[in-house]
Protein backbone atom coordinates (compact mmCIF):
# COMPACT_ATOMS: atom_id res chain seq x y z
CA UNK A 1 0.00 0.00 0.00
CA UNK A 2 2.82 2.40 0.93
CA UNK A 3 4.65 1.67 -2.32
CA UNK A 4 1.52 2.33 -4.38
CA UNK A 5 0.97 5.62 -2.59
CA UNK A 6 4.55 6.74 -3.33
CA UNK A 7 4.15 5.82 -6.99
CA UNK A 8 0.91 7.82 -7.08
CA UNK A 9 2.57 10.91 -5.62
CA UNK A 10 5.46 10.70 -8.08
CA UNK A 11 3.05 10.30 -11.00
CA UNK A 12 0.97 13.28 -9.81
CA UNK A 13 4.10 15.40 -9.53
CA UNK A 14 5.18 14.52 -13.05
CA UNK A 15 1.71 15.32 -14.42
CA UNK A 16 1.62 18.71 -12.66
CA UNK A 17 5.13 19.54 -13.83
CA UNK A 18 4.38 18.57 -17.42
CA UNK A 19 1.16 20.56 -17.44
CA UNK A 20 2.82 23.64 -15.99
CA UNK A 21 5.68 23.44 -18.48
CA UNK A 22 3.12 23.26 -21.28
CA UNK A 23 1.41 26.39 -19.92
CA UNK A 24 4.71 28.24 -19.91
CA UNK A 25 5.45 26.96 -23.40
CA UNK A 26 2.15 28.42 -24.60
CA UNK A 27 3.14 31.83 -23.30
CA UNK A 28 6.72 31.79 -24.49
CA UNK A 29 6.80 29.80 -27.74
CA UNK A 30 8.89 31.22 -30.52
CA UNK A 31 6.60 33.63 -32.35
CA UNK A 32 6.86 37.39 -32.72
CA UNK A 33 6.21 38.87 -29.28
CA UNK A 34 4.99 42.32 -28.47
CA UNK A 35 7.99 44.20 -27.12
CA UNK A 36 6.02 46.94 -25.47
CA UNK A 37 6.12 47.04 -21.68
CA UNK A 38 3.04 46.70 -19.56
CA UNK A 39 4.97 48.73 -17.02
CA UNK A 40 4.84 52.36 -15.97
CA UNK A 41 1.13 52.80 -15.42
CA UNK A 42 0.01 49.74 -17.32
CA UNK A 43 -2.09 49.53 -20.49
CA UNK A 44 -5.55 51.05 -20.59
CA UNK A 45 -7.09 47.76 -21.67
CA UNK A 46 -6.47 45.84 -18.50
CA UNK A 47 -5.82 48.34 -15.69
CA UNK A 48 -8.53 48.29 -13.04
CA UNK A 49 -7.56 51.35 -11.06
CA UNK A 50 -11.20 51.49 -10.07
CA UNK A 51 -10.47 48.67 -7.65
CA UNK A 52 -8.51 51.19 -5.57
CA UNK A 53 -10.57 54.34 -4.95
CA UNK A 54 -8.61 57.57 -4.70
CA UNK A 55 -5.86 56.27 -6.95
CA UNK A 56 -2.70 58.32 -7.24
CA UNK A 57 0.54 57.00 -8.67
CA UNK A 58 -0.11 53.43 -9.65
CA UNK A 59 2.62 51.26 -11.12
CA UNK A 60 2.17 47.73 -12.36
CA UNK A 61 4.42 46.13 -14.87
CA UNK A 62 5.77 43.26 -16.81
CA UNK A 63 9.49 42.49 -16.63
CA UNK A 64 11.45 45.67 -17.19
CA UNK A 65 14.90 44.78 -18.37
CA UNK A 66 16.29 41.50 -19.58
CA UNK A 67 19.97 42.26 -19.92
CA UNK A 68 23.01 40.06 -19.92
CA UNK A 69 22.69 39.56 -16.14
CA UNK A 70 19.74 37.27 -16.90
CA UNK A 71 22.08 34.52 -17.97
CA UNK A 72 21.74 31.94 -15.24
CA UNK A 73 23.70 28.84 -14.38
CA UNK A 74 22.87 25.83 -16.54
CA UNK A 75 21.67 22.88 -14.46
CA UNK A 76 23.02 19.54 -15.67
CA UNK A 77 21.36 16.26 -14.73
CA UNK A 78 23.47 13.86 -12.66
CA UNK A 79 23.83 11.38 -15.52
CA UNK A 80 25.42 14.01 -17.82
CA UNK A 81 28.96 12.82 -17.18
CA UNK A 82 31.79 14.60 -18.89
CA UNK A 83 33.72 12.47 -21.36
CA UNK A 84 30.90 10.12 -22.33
CA UNK A 85 28.81 10.30 -25.46
CA UNK A 86 25.52 10.06 -23.55
CA UNK A 87 26.75 12.70 -21.10
CA UNK A 88 27.65 15.05 -23.94
CA UNK A 89 24.17 14.71 -25.43
CA UNK A 90 22.53 15.24 -22.04
CA UNK A 91 24.61 18.35 -21.39
CA UNK A 92 23.75 19.71 -24.84
CA UNK A 93 20.04 19.17 -24.15
CA UNK A 94 20.39 20.93 -20.77
CA UNK A 95 22.12 23.91 -22.37
CA UNK A 96 19.44 24.11 -25.07
CA UNK A 97 16.71 23.92 -22.42
CA UNK A 98 18.30 26.76 -20.41
CA UNK A 99 18.76 28.83 -23.58
CA UNK A 100 15.09 28.39 -24.51
CA UNK A 101 14.06 29.46 -21.01
CA UNK A 102 16.24 32.59 -21.20
CA UNK A 103 14.88 33.48 -24.63
CA UNK A 104 11.36 32.95 -23.35
CA UNK A 105 12.04 35.42 -20.58
CA UNK A 106 13.50 37.94 -23.02
CA UNK A 107 10.48 37.70 -25.32
CA UNK A 108 7.62 39.26 -23.42
CA UNK A 109 4.34 37.59 -24.12
CA UNK A 110 1.87 39.96 -25.76
CA UNK A 111 -0.90 41.07 -23.37
CA UNK A 112 -3.20 41.58 -26.34
CA UNK A 113 -3.14 37.97 -27.51
CA UNK A 114 -5.78 35.49 -26.34
CA UNK A 115 -3.11 32.79 -26.43
CA UNK A 116 -1.39 34.35 -23.41
CA UNK A 117 -4.41 34.04 -21.12
CA UNK A 118 -4.25 30.89 -19.04
CA UNK A 119 -7.28 29.12 -17.66
CA UNK A 120 -7.67 28.68 -13.87
CA UNK A 121 -6.52 25.06 -14.22
CA UNK A 122 -3.40 26.14 -16.09
CA UNK A 123 -2.70 28.90 -13.56
CA UNK A 124 -2.94 26.30 -10.81
CA UNK A 125 -0.31 24.19 -12.55
CA UNK A 126 2.03 27.16 -12.94
CA UNK A 127 1.58 28.02 -9.25
CA UNK A 128 2.43 24.42 -8.37
CA UNK A 129 5.56 24.72 -10.46
CA UNK A 130 6.56 27.95 -8.66
CA UNK A 131 5.98 26.25 -5.33
CA UNK A 132 7.85 23.03 -6.14
CA UNK A 133 10.70 24.05 -8.44
CA UNK A 134 14.13 25.16 -7.27
CA UNK A 135 15.59 25.81 -10.72
CA UNK A 136 16.06 29.57 -11.24
CA UNK A 137 15.33 29.54 -14.97
CA UNK A 138 12.11 27.56 -14.44
CA UNK A 139 11.00 29.90 -11.65
CA UNK A 140 11.82 32.86 -13.83
CA UNK A 141 9.73 31.63 -16.76
CA UNK A 142 6.84 30.61 -14.49
CA UNK A 143 6.81 34.01 -12.77
CA UNK A 144 6.82 35.73 -16.17
CA UNK A 145 3.72 33.71 -17.06
CA UNK A 146 2.01 34.68 -13.80
CA UNK A 147 3.00 38.32 -14.18
CA UNK A 148 1.54 38.51 -17.68
CA UNK A 149 -1.71 36.94 -16.53
CA UNK A 150 -1.87 39.13 -13.42
CA UNK A 151 -2.09 42.09 -15.81
CA UNK A 152 -5.76 41.15 -16.34
CA UNK A 153 -8.25 42.22 -13.66
CA UNK A 154 -10.18 38.94 -13.61
CA UNK A 155 -6.99 36.89 -13.24
CA UNK A 156 -5.97 38.81 -10.11
CA UNK A 157 -8.96 37.39 -8.30
CA UNK A 158 -8.37 33.89 -9.69
CA UNK A 159 -4.69 33.83 -8.67
CA UNK A 160 -5.63 35.03 -5.19
CA UNK A 161 -8.35 32.38 -4.82
CA UNK A 162 -5.86 29.71 -5.92
CA UNK A 163 -3.61 30.70 -3.01
CA UNK A 164 -1.06 32.35 -5.28
CA UNK A 165 -0.24 35.37 -3.11
CA UNK A 166 1.73 33.52 -0.37
CA UNK A 167 3.29 31.21 -2.97
CA UNK A 168 4.76 34.13 -4.91
CA UNK A 169 5.60 36.10 -1.76
CA UNK A 170 7.68 33.17 -0.51
CA UNK A 171 9.99 33.67 -3.50
CA UNK A 172 11.00 37.04 -2.00
CA UNK A 173 13.31 35.09 0.31
CA UNK A 174 15.45 33.94 -2.60
CA UNK A 175 18.95 35.30 -3.07
CA UNK A 176 18.66 35.23 -6.84
CA UNK A 177 18.08 38.87 -7.86
CA UNK A 178 16.48 37.98 -11.20
CA UNK A 179 13.94 35.62 -9.65
CA UNK A 180 13.23 38.09 -6.83
CA UNK A 181 12.60 40.88 -9.34
CA UNK A 182 10.13 38.71 -11.25
CA UNK A 183 8.32 37.83 -8.00
CA UNK A 184 8.05 41.54 -7.14
CA UNK A 185 6.63 42.25 -10.59
CA UNK A 186 3.95 39.58 -10.11
CA UNK A 187 3.00 41.00 -6.69
CA UNK A 188 3.03 44.48 -8.18
CA UNK A 189 0.52 43.49 -10.87
CA UNK A 190 -1.61 41.64 -8.32
CA UNK A 191 -1.62 44.62 -5.95
CA UNK A 192 -3.85 46.66 -8.28
CA UNK A 193 -6.78 45.17 -6.39
CA UNK A 194 -8.23 46.18 -3.02
CA UNK A 195 -8.59 42.66 -1.62
CA UNK A 196 -5.12 41.67 -2.81
CA UNK A 197 -3.68 44.75 -1.11
CA UNK A 198 -5.34 43.74 2.15
CA UNK A 199 -3.63 40.36 2.01
CA UNK A 200 -0.29 41.66 0.75
CA UNK A 201 0.13 44.21 3.54
CA UNK A 202 1.85 41.59 5.74
CA UNK A 203 4.76 41.56 3.29
CA UNK A 204 5.21 45.35 3.12
CA UNK A 205 7.90 45.53 5.80
CA UNK A 206 9.94 42.82 4.10
CA UNK A 207 9.58 44.45 0.69
CA UNK A 208 10.50 47.83 2.18
CA UNK A 209 13.64 46.45 3.85
CA UNK A 210 14.70 44.58 0.71
CA UNK A 211 14.12 47.67 -1.42
CA UNK A 212 16.21 49.93 0.79
CA UNK A 213 19.08 47.47 1.19
CA UNK A 214 19.20 46.35 -2.46
CA UNK A 215 21.93 47.57 -4.75
CA UNK A 216 21.29 51.20 -5.67
CA UNK A 217 19.39 51.61 -8.96
CA UNK A 218 19.10 47.84 -9.38
CA UNK A 219 16.09 46.22 -11.03
CA UNK A 220 15.13 44.65 -7.69
CA UNK A 221 15.10 48.07 -6.02
CA UNK A 222 12.97 49.58 -8.77
CA UNK A 223 10.52 46.66 -8.70
CA UNK A 224 10.22 47.02 -4.92
CA UNK A 225 9.57 50.77 -5.21
CA UNK A 226 6.82 50.12 -7.77
CA UNK A 227 5.13 47.62 -5.48
CA UNK A 228 5.31 50.02 -2.52
CA UNK A 229 3.90 52.78 -4.74
CA UNK A 230 0.92 50.59 -5.58
CA UNK A 231 0.41 49.71 -1.93
CA UNK A 232 0.25 53.42 -1.03
CA UNK A 233 -2.33 54.33 -3.66
CA UNK A 234 -4.84 54.52 -0.81
CA UNK A 235 -4.18 55.88 2.68
CA UNK A 236 -4.88 52.62 4.47
CA UNK A 237 -1.36 51.15 4.60
CA UNK A 238 0.81 54.25 4.29
CA UNK A 239 1.57 54.35 8.03
CA UNK A 240 3.54 51.11 7.64
CA UNK A 241 6.23 53.06 5.76
CA UNK A 242 6.57 55.86 8.32
CA UNK A 243 9.92 54.64 9.67
CA UNK A 244 11.40 54.33 6.18
CA UNK A 245 10.69 57.81 4.81
CA UNK A 246 14.21 59.00 5.64
CA UNK A 247 15.60 56.09 3.63
CA UNK A 248 13.41 57.02 0.67
CA UNK A 249 14.79 60.56 0.71
CA UNK A 250 18.29 59.07 0.78
CA UNK A 251 17.50 56.91 -2.25
CA UNK A 252 16.06 59.94 -3.99
CA UNK A 253 19.22 61.97 -3.46
CA UNK A 254 21.65 59.19 -4.38
CA UNK A 255 19.75 57.37 -7.12
CA UNK A 256 19.76 57.84 -10.86
CA UNK A 257 16.93 59.53 -12.74
CA UNK A 258 14.74 56.42 -12.92
CA UNK A 259 15.10 55.78 -9.19
CA UNK A 260 14.39 59.45 -8.45
CA UNK A 261 11.13 59.36 -10.40
CA UNK A 262 10.00 56.17 -8.70
CA UNK A 263 10.74 57.51 -5.21
CA UNK A 264 8.93 60.74 -6.08
CA UNK A 265 5.79 58.81 -7.02
CA UNK A 266 5.89 57.03 -3.67
CA UNK A 267 6.53 60.22 -1.68
CA UNK A 268 3.79 62.06 -3.56
CA UNK A 269 1.29 59.40 -2.52
CA UNK A 270 2.33 59.93 1.09
CA UNK A 271 2.32 63.74 0.80
CA UNK A 272 -1.29 63.77 -0.37
CA UNK A 273 -2.38 62.18 2.90
CA UNK A 274 -2.67 64.81 5.69
CA UNK A 275 -2.18 62.08 8.30
CA UNK A 276 1.35 61.46 6.98
CA UNK A 277 2.43 65.12 7.02
CA UNK A 278 4.02 64.88 10.46
CA UNK A 279 5.93 61.75 9.51
CA UNK A 280 7.24 63.41 6.37
CA UNK A 281 8.36 66.53 8.23
CA UNK A 282 10.03 64.37 10.88
CA UNK A 283 12.04 62.43 8.31
CA UNK A 284 15.77 63.10 8.11
CA UNK A 285 16.78 64.41 4.71
CA UNK A 286 20.29 64.46 3.21
CA UNK A 287 22.06 67.80 3.13
CA UNK A 288 22.39 67.30 -0.62
CA UNK A 289 18.61 67.63 -1.07
CA UNK A 290 18.88 71.38 -1.63
CA UNK A 291 21.48 70.93 -4.34
CA UNK A 292 18.87 69.16 -6.47
CA UNK A 293 17.36 72.57 -7.15
CA UNK A 294 19.70 73.56 -9.93
CA UNK A 295 19.54 74.06 -13.64
CA UNK A 296 21.18 70.74 -14.42
CA UNK A 297 18.49 68.69 -12.70
CA UNK A 298 15.69 67.22 -14.80
CA UNK A 299 12.76 69.62 -15.03
CA UNK A 300 10.19 66.93 -14.17
CA UNK A 301 12.14 65.94 -11.05
CA UNK A 302 12.12 69.55 -9.83
CA UNK A 303 8.39 70.00 -10.52
CA UNK A 304 7.38 66.78 -8.78
CA UNK A 305 9.54 67.59 -5.76
CA UNK A 306 7.92 71.03 -5.55
CA UNK A 307 4.46 69.42 -5.66
CA UNK A 308 5.44 67.22 -2.70
CA UNK A 309 6.64 70.25 -0.74
CA UNK A 310 3.47 72.16 -1.63
CA UNK A 311 1.26 69.33 -0.39
CA UNK A 312 3.18 69.13 2.87
CA UNK A 313 3.01 72.90 3.29
CA UNK A 314 -0.75 72.90 2.62
CA UNK A 315 -1.49 70.00 4.97
CA UNK A 316 0.57 71.25 7.90
CA UNK A 317 -1.17 73.91 10.00
CA UNK A 318 1.85 75.97 10.97
CA UNK A 319 0.12 78.21 13.52
CA UNK A 320 -1.92 75.41 15.12
CA UNK A 321 1.15 73.18 15.42
CA UNK A 322 3.51 75.85 16.68
CA UNK A 323 3.71 74.25 20.13
CA UNK A 324 4.66 70.86 18.65
CA UNK A 325 7.34 72.09 16.29
CA UNK A 326 10.10 71.32 18.79
CA UNK A 327 9.54 67.61 18.19
CA UNK A 328 11.25 67.88 14.80
CA UNK A 329 14.99 67.31 15.03
CA UNK A 330 17.77 69.02 13.17
CA UNK A 331 18.34 67.65 9.72
CA UNK A 332 14.64 66.90 9.32
CA UNK A 333 12.53 68.01 6.40
CA UNK A 334 10.81 70.42 8.78
CA UNK A 335 14.11 72.22 9.43
CA UNK A 336 14.87 72.15 5.72
CA UNK A 337 11.67 74.14 5.16
CA UNK A 338 11.93 76.13 8.39
CA UNK A 339 15.30 77.60 7.48
CA UNK A 340 13.49 79.68 4.96
CA UNK A 341 16.34 81.95 3.93
CA UNK A 342 18.67 79.03 3.17
CA UNK A 343 15.90 77.12 1.44
CA UNK A 344 14.78 80.17 -0.49
CA UNK A 345 18.31 80.96 -1.68
CA UNK A 346 18.59 77.49 -3.19
CA UNK A 347 15.13 77.48 -4.67
CA UNK A 348 15.23 81.08 -5.94
CA UNK A 349 18.26 80.11 -7.95
CA UNK A 350 15.74 78.50 -10.25
CA UNK A 351 14.26 81.90 -11.07
CA UNK A 352 16.80 82.07 -13.87
CA UNK A 353 15.77 78.64 -15.14
CA UNK A 354 15.07 78.59 -18.86
CA UNK A 355 11.71 76.83 -18.39
CA UNK A 356 8.76 79.17 -17.75
CA UNK A 357 6.68 76.55 -15.89
CA UNK A 358 9.53 75.93 -13.45
CA UNK A 359 9.81 79.66 -12.74
CA UNK A 360 6.06 79.93 -12.04
CA UNK A 361 6.01 76.89 -9.76
CA UNK A 362 9.04 78.12 -7.81
CA UNK A 363 7.55 81.56 -7.33
CA UNK A 364 4.23 80.18 -6.06
CA UNK A 365 5.90 77.76 -3.69
CA UNK A 366 8.23 80.33 -2.15
CA UNK A 367 5.39 82.84 -1.68
CA UNK A 368 3.07 80.32 -0.07
CA UNK A 369 5.80 78.94 2.16
CA UNK A 370 6.65 82.43 3.41
CA UNK A 371 2.98 83.22 4.03
CA UNK A 372 2.36 80.04 6.05
CA UNK A 373 5.57 80.01 8.05
CA UNK A 374 5.81 83.74 8.85
CA UNK A 375 2.26 85.14 8.77
CA UNK A 376 3.04 87.93 11.24
CA UNK A 377 6.05 89.14 9.29
CA UNK A 378 3.79 89.82 6.35
CA UNK A 379 1.70 92.36 8.26
């Protein structure tokens, strides 16, 4: 009886694995793929921002960049012995299999093709493969399949009901940066859904820590920032990031342009919530923050940063909170704004900026900041 049971389990495992591999094959077979990203706001055909009322910056994406770092280690079966004819053939098959998997990852499946939509049964098989497999290139291809299907609103509910959220979230513990990035992309696509957000909130601290400690400007860091941006579309879970705001300002100052924009989207979500104003003002900001206000900086970066400061300035009642202002330490964003003359000198340097819109925004911000912070001095 015990032997028969073991044989049954092995047979079931082989069937599940074969079915899941077929599902991935359907998504990644060698035909012309649509090279357009589903990232950076998603496509209008499948985005269900309506699931999250009060949407702000909302990022959900397919895989972003498949560069040379995607080349993983080829796994050879134990019988592929070097020096034997059978071993040579087995190693050649293993290399070909790994190459096909890498090419499948590089060719994004088109979100507009019916052939890329998996049925619930096929999604279940892919989830089983993600849960059971330890091969990086298999996990990578399976997560690509899930990420593409999670781009559709109806599939987000199906994947959740199949228990896919904890299965994918478990992959966040991997040390493989490529696999971790793909897992973050899947969770990012799934998070454009109110119920999914409620269940994903337990992973926010882990994602936040991984994002901050990841290599600066890496694909893992950007994928983590996108997921956190989605999770802060509504005000409900923003308080969970309160202790990390200083780290976000550090990433903003040190990161490249893409990282800056992604951090700005996250901070803007927080700045639009009056309940987070105190946490933002309390955050420690790098001394280099003021130097971002110069002519060499990207115009859009300057404008978005000014919008964040304007929201904070509007939400904070300076006169009503005068007695509590001593709770903000030196080096905080509050002191950055409070030292008006220093701040104004750096910002007013933009008055000579060649862009008219930048000049107008700077002028409005400086005037409003002066009016709110020093109302009596204006009399």
